[in-house]
Amino acid sequence: MSNPSDFTVQVCNDRDIVISKAEAEFEVTYRKEAYCAMLFASEVLQNDFDESKVTLLAQAWKLALDKATSLGWLDPPERKRKRRVRPELS
């Protein structure tokens, strides 16, 4: 299993986390979507993707999840509750 320090983690465009490992010719991009607190992997099932990269993909997911969490990307949106104004009882 690879050491997480063997990977490069980059944040791009305030919505993408790119995880790469040059020695393995591996790169995956995780994207934060505006409508939900999730990351989506893009281009994971490329033609050159094979089962030998499954471990790398699992490690990359953990790194992306850690980075997104540290950036607050996966925090649920705060629900702003409007207070009802109650009429004063006299």
N, C-alpha and C. Protein backbone atom coordinates (compact mmCIF):
# COMPACT_ATOMS: atom_id res chain seq x y z
N MET A 1 0.85 -1.18 0.00
CA MET A 1 0.00 0.00 0.00
C MET A 1 0.89 1.24 0.00
N SER A 2 0.50 2.22 -0.75
CA SER A 2 1.28 3.46 -0.86
C SER A 2 1.11 4.34 0.36
N ASN A 3 2.11 5.13 0.58
CA ASN A 3 2.08 6.11 1.65
C ASN A 3 1.32 7.33 1.14
N PRO A 4 0.39 7.91 1.95
CA PRO A 4 -0.33 9.09 1.49
C PRO A 4 0.58 10.25 1.08
N SER A 5 1.79 10.29 1.63
CA SER A 5 2.70 11.37 1.26
C SER A 5 3.27 11.19 -0.15
N ASP A 6 3.05 10.01 -0.74
CA ASP A 6 3.49 9.77 -2.12
C ASP A 6 2.57 10.45 -3.14
N PHE A 7 1.43 10.91 -2.68
CA PHE A 7 0.44 11.53 -3.56
C PHE A 7 0.56 13.05 -3.53
N THR A 8 0.13 13.68 -4.60
CA THR A 8 0.05 15.14 -4.67
C THR A 8 -1.43 15.50 -4.60
N VAL A 9 -1.75 16.47 -3.72
CA VAL A 9 -3.12 16.92 -3.56
C VAL A 9 -3.17 18.39 -3.94
N GLN A 10 -4.02 18.72 -4.93
CA GLN A 10 -4.16 20.11 -5.38
C GLN A 10 -5.63 20.49 -5.38
N VAL A 11 -5.90 21.73 -4.97
CA VAL A 11 -7.26 22.28 -5.02
C VAL A 11 -7.29 23.25 -6.19
N CYS A 12 -8.28 23.09 -7.07
CA CYS A 12 -8.41 23.94 -8.25
C CYS A 12 -9.82 24.49 -8.34
N ASN A 13 -9.93 25.73 -8.74
CA ASN A 13 -11.22 26.36 -9.04
C ASN A 13 -12.22 26.36 -7.89
N ASP A 14 -11.78 26.22 -6.67
CA ASP A 14 -12.67 26.18 -5.51
C ASP A 14 -13.75 25.11 -5.61
N ARG A 15 -13.53 24.10 -6.43
CA ARG A 15 -14.51 23.00 -6.50
C ARG A 15 -13.90 21.67 -6.90
N ASP A 16 -12.63 21.65 -7.26
CA ASP A 16 -11.98 20.41 -7.67
C ASP A 16 -10.80 20.09 -6.75
N ILE A 17 -10.67 18.83 -6.43
CA ILE A 17 -9.49 18.33 -5.71
C ILE A 17 -8.86 17.29 -6.63
N VAL A 18 -7.63 17.53 -7.02
CA VAL A 18 -6.92 16.63 -7.93
C VAL A 18 -5.89 15.85 -7.10
N ILE A 19 -6.01 14.54 -7.14
CA ILE A 19 -5.08 13.65 -6.45
C ILE A 19 -4.28 12.92 -7.52
N SER A 20 -2.97 12.97 -7.39
CA SER A 20 -2.15 12.30 -8.40
C SER A 20 -0.96 11.61 -7.76
N LYS A 21 -0.44 10.66 -8.49
CA LYS A 21 0.78 9.94 -8.11
C LYS A 21 1.54 9.70 -9.40
N ALA A 22 2.58 10.49 -9.60
CA ALA A 22 3.32 10.47 -10.87
C ALA A 22 3.92 9.11 -11.18
N GLU A 23 4.50 8.47 -10.16
CA GLU A 23 5.18 7.18 -10.41
C GLU A 23 4.23 6.13 -10.96
N ALA A 24 2.96 6.21 -10.60
CA ALA A 24 1.98 5.23 -11.05
C ALA A 24 1.17 5.71 -12.24
N GLU A 25 1.52 6.90 -12.72
CA GLU A 25 0.76 7.52 -13.82
C GLU A 25 -0.73 7.52 -13.48
N PHE A 26 -1.03 7.98 -12.27
CA PHE A 26 -2.39 7.96 -11.75
C PHE A 26 -2.83 9.38 -11.40
N GLU A 27 -4.06 9.71 -11.79
CA GLU A 27 -4.64 11.00 -11.42
C GLU A 27 -6.16 10.87 -11.44
N VAL A 28 -6.78 11.44 -10.42
CA VAL A 28 -8.24 11.46 -10.35
C VAL A 28 -8.66 12.82 -9.80
N THR A 29 -9.77 13.33 -10.33
CA THR A 29 -10.30 14.62 -9.89
C THR A 29 -11.62 14.39 -9.19
N TYR A 30 -11.75 14.94 -7.99
CA TYR A 30 -13.00 14.90 -7.25
C TYR A 30 -13.59 16.29 -7.28
N ARG A 31 -14.86 16.37 -7.61
CA ARG A 31 -15.52 17.67 -7.76
C ARG A 31 -16.61 17.84 -6.71
N LYS A 32 -16.64 19.02 -6.13
CA LYS A 32 -17.70 19.40 -5.20
C LYS A 32 -18.83 19.99 -6.02
N GLU A 33 -20.01 19.44 -5.86
CA GLU A 33 -21.18 19.96 -6.56
C GLU A 33 -21.92 20.92 -5.64
N ALA A 34 -22.53 21.91 -6.22
CA ALA A 34 -23.19 22.96 -5.45
C ALA A 34 -24.45 22.48 -4.76
N TYR A 35 -25.12 21.51 -5.33
CA TYR A 35 -26.42 21.11 -4.81
C TYR A 35 -26.39 20.09 -3.68
N CYS A 36 -25.23 19.55 -3.35
CA CYS A 36 -25.16 18.60 -2.24
C CYS A 36 -23.75 18.57 -1.67
N ALA A 37 -23.65 18.12 -0.44
CA ALA A 37 -22.36 18.05 0.24
C ALA A 37 -21.70 16.70 -0.06
N MET A 38 -21.28 16.53 -1.32
CA MET A 38 -20.64 15.29 -1.76
C MET A 38 -19.52 15.61 -2.73
N LEU A 39 -18.63 14.65 -2.87
CA LEU A 39 -17.60 14.72 -3.90
C LEU A 39 -17.91 13.68 -4.96
N PHE A 40 -17.70 14.05 -6.20
CA PHE A 40 -17.90 13.13 -7.31
C PHE A 40 -16.57 12.95 -8.04
N ALA A 41 -16.20 11.72 -8.29
CA ALA A 41 -14.98 11.45 -9.04
C ALA A 41 -15.29 11.57 -10.52
N SER A 42 -14.48 12.32 -11.22
CA SER A 42 -14.67 12.47 -12.66
C SER A 42 -13.64 11.63 -13.40
N GLU A 43 -14.04 11.09 -14.50
CA GLU A 43 -13.16 10.33 -15.38
C GLU A 43 -12.48 9.14 -14.70
N VAL A 44 -13.18 8.51 -13.76
CA VAL A 44 -12.59 7.36 -13.07
C VAL A 44 -12.52 6.15 -13.98
N LEU A 45 -13.50 5.97 -14.79
CA LEU A 45 -13.55 4.78 -15.65
C LEU A 45 -13.02 5.07 -17.04
N GLN A 46 -11.82 5.61 -17.09
CA GLN A 46 -11.18 5.86 -18.38
C GLN A 46 -10.78 4.53 -19.00
N ASN A 47 -10.47 4.57 -20.27
CA ASN A 47 -10.08 3.35 -20.97
C ASN A 47 -8.84 2.70 -20.36
N ASP A 48 -7.93 3.49 -19.81
CA ASP A 48 -6.69 2.93 -19.27
C ASP A 48 -6.81 2.54 -17.80
N PHE A 49 -7.99 2.66 -17.22
CA PHE A 49 -8.17 2.30 -15.82
C PHE A 49 -8.37 0.79 -15.72
N ASP A 50 -7.57 0.16 -14.86
CA ASP A 50 -7.72 -1.28 -14.67
C ASP A 50 -7.71 -1.59 -13.18
N GLU A 51 -7.91 -2.85 -12.87
CA GLU A 51 -8.04 -3.25 -11.47
C GLU A 51 -6.77 -3.01 -10.65
N SER A 52 -5.64 -2.84 -11.28
CA SER A 52 -4.41 -2.59 -10.52
C SER A 52 -4.43 -1.21 -9.86
N LYS A 53 -5.34 -0.35 -10.30
CA LYS A 53 -5.40 1.00 -9.75
C LYS A 53 -6.51 1.17 -8.70
N VAL A 54 -7.17 0.09 -8.36
CA VAL A 54 -8.25 0.17 -7.38
C VAL A 54 -7.72 0.64 -6.02
N THR A 55 -6.60 0.12 -5.59
CA THR A 55 -6.01 0.54 -4.31
C THR A 55 -5.65 2.02 -4.35
N LEU A 56 -5.08 2.46 -5.46
CA LEU A 56 -4.75 3.88 -5.59
C LEU A 56 -6.01 4.74 -5.53
N LEU A 57 -7.07 4.27 -6.15
CA LEU A 57 -8.33 5.01 -6.13
C LEU A 57 -8.89 5.11 -4.71
N ALA A 58 -8.81 4.04 -3.95
CA ALA A 58 -9.28 4.06 -2.56
C ALA A 58 -8.45 5.03 -1.72
N GLN A 59 -7.15 5.02 -1.90
CA GLN A 59 -6.28 5.95 -1.17
C GLN A 59 -6.55 7.39 -1.57
N ALA A 60 -6.76 7.60 -2.86
CA ALA A 60 -7.04 8.95 -3.35
C ALA A 60 -8.35 9.47 -2.78
N TRP A 61 -9.36 8.60 -2.69
CA TRP A 61 -10.64 8.99 -2.12
C TRP A 61 -10.47 9.46 -0.68
N LYS A 62 -9.68 8.73 0.10
CA LYS A 62 -9.46 9.12 1.50
C LYS A 62 -8.77 10.47 1.59
N LEU A 63 -7.79 10.70 0.74
CA LEU A 63 -7.09 11.98 0.73
C LEU A 63 -8.01 13.12 0.31
N ALA A 64 -8.84 12.88 -0.70
CA ALA A 64 -9.78 13.90 -1.16
C ALA A 64 -10.82 14.20 -0.08
N LEU A 65 -11.30 13.17 0.57
CA LEU A 65 -12.27 13.36 1.65
C LEU A 65 -11.68 14.17 2.79
N ASP A 66 -10.46 13.86 3.18
CA ASP A 66 -9.78 14.62 4.24
C ASP A 66 -9.61 16.09 3.84
N LYS A 67 -9.20 16.32 2.61
CA LYS A 67 -8.99 17.69 2.14
C LYS A 67 -10.31 18.46 2.08
N ALA A 68 -11.33 17.84 1.53
CA ALA A 68 -12.64 18.50 1.43
C ALA A 68 -13.21 18.81 2.81
N THR A 69 -13.02 17.90 3.73
CA THR A 69 -13.49 18.12 5.10
C THR A 69 -12.74 19.28 5.74
N SER A 70 -11.43 19.32 5.55
CA SER A 70 -10.64 20.40 6.15
C SER A 70 -10.98 21.76 5.55
N LEU A 71 -11.46 21.77 4.30
CA LEU A 71 -11.86 23.01 3.65
C LEU A 71 -13.31 23.40 3.96
N GLY A 72 -14.02 22.52 4.64
CA GLY A 72 -15.42 22.78 4.96
C GLY A 72 -16.37 22.56 3.81
N TRP A 73 -15.92 21.88 2.78
CA TRP A 73 -16.74 21.65 1.60
C TRP A 73 -17.91 20.71 1.87
N LEU A 74 -17.77 19.84 2.84
CA LEU A 74 -18.79 18.83 3.09
C LEU A 74 -19.69 19.18 4.26
N ASP A 75 -19.52 20.35 4.81
CA ASP A 75 -20.39 20.79 5.90
C ASP A 75 -21.79 21.00 5.36
N PRO A 76 -22.81 20.57 6.10
CA PRO A 76 -24.18 20.83 5.63
C PRO A 76 -24.47 22.32 5.68
N PRO A 77 -25.24 22.81 4.74
CA PRO A 77 -25.56 24.24 4.78
C PRO A 77 -26.34 24.56 6.05
N GLU A 78 -26.01 25.66 6.62
CA GLU A 78 -26.73 26.06 7.83
C GLU A 78 -28.14 26.43 7.46
N ARG A 79 -29.04 25.93 8.23
CA ARG A 79 -30.44 26.25 7.99
C ARG A 79 -30.78 27.47 8.83
N LYS A 80 -31.03 28.50 8.13
CA LYS A 80 -31.38 29.72 8.82
C LYS A 80 -32.87 29.68 9.14
N ARG A 81 -33.14 29.73 10.39
CA ARG A 81 -34.54 29.72 10.81
C ARG A 81 -34.99 31.14 11.07
N LYS A 82 -36.09 31.46 10.49
CA LYS A 82 -36.65 32.78 10.73
C LYS A 82 -37.48 32.70 12.00
N ARG A 83 -37.24 33.63 12.84
CA ARG A 83 -38.00 33.67 14.08
C ARG A 83 -39.36 34.29 13.81
N ARG A 84 -40.34 33.68 14.40
CA ARG A 84 -41.67 34.26 14.30
C ARG A 84 -41.78 35.40 15.29
N VAL A 85 -42.40 36.43 14.86
CA VAL A 85 -42.64 37.55 15.75
C VAL A 85 -43.98 37.30 16.41
N ARG A 86 -43.94 37.17 17.73
CA ARG A 86 -45.18 36.94 18.49
C ARG A 86 -45.72 38.24 19.00
N PRO A 87 -46.98 38.42 18.87
CA PRO A 87 -47.56 39.66 19.43
C PRO A 87 -47.45 39.62 20.95
N GLU A 88 -47.16 40.77 21.50
CA GLU A 88 -47.05 40.91 22.95
C GLU A 88 -48.41 40.65 23.61
N LEU A 89 -48.40 39.89 24.65
CA LEU A 89 -49.63 39.65 25.40
C LEU A 89 -49.77 40.78 26.43
N SER A 90 -50.95 41.38 26.51
CA SER A 90 -51.14 42.44 27.50
C SER A 90 -52.10 42.04 28.55
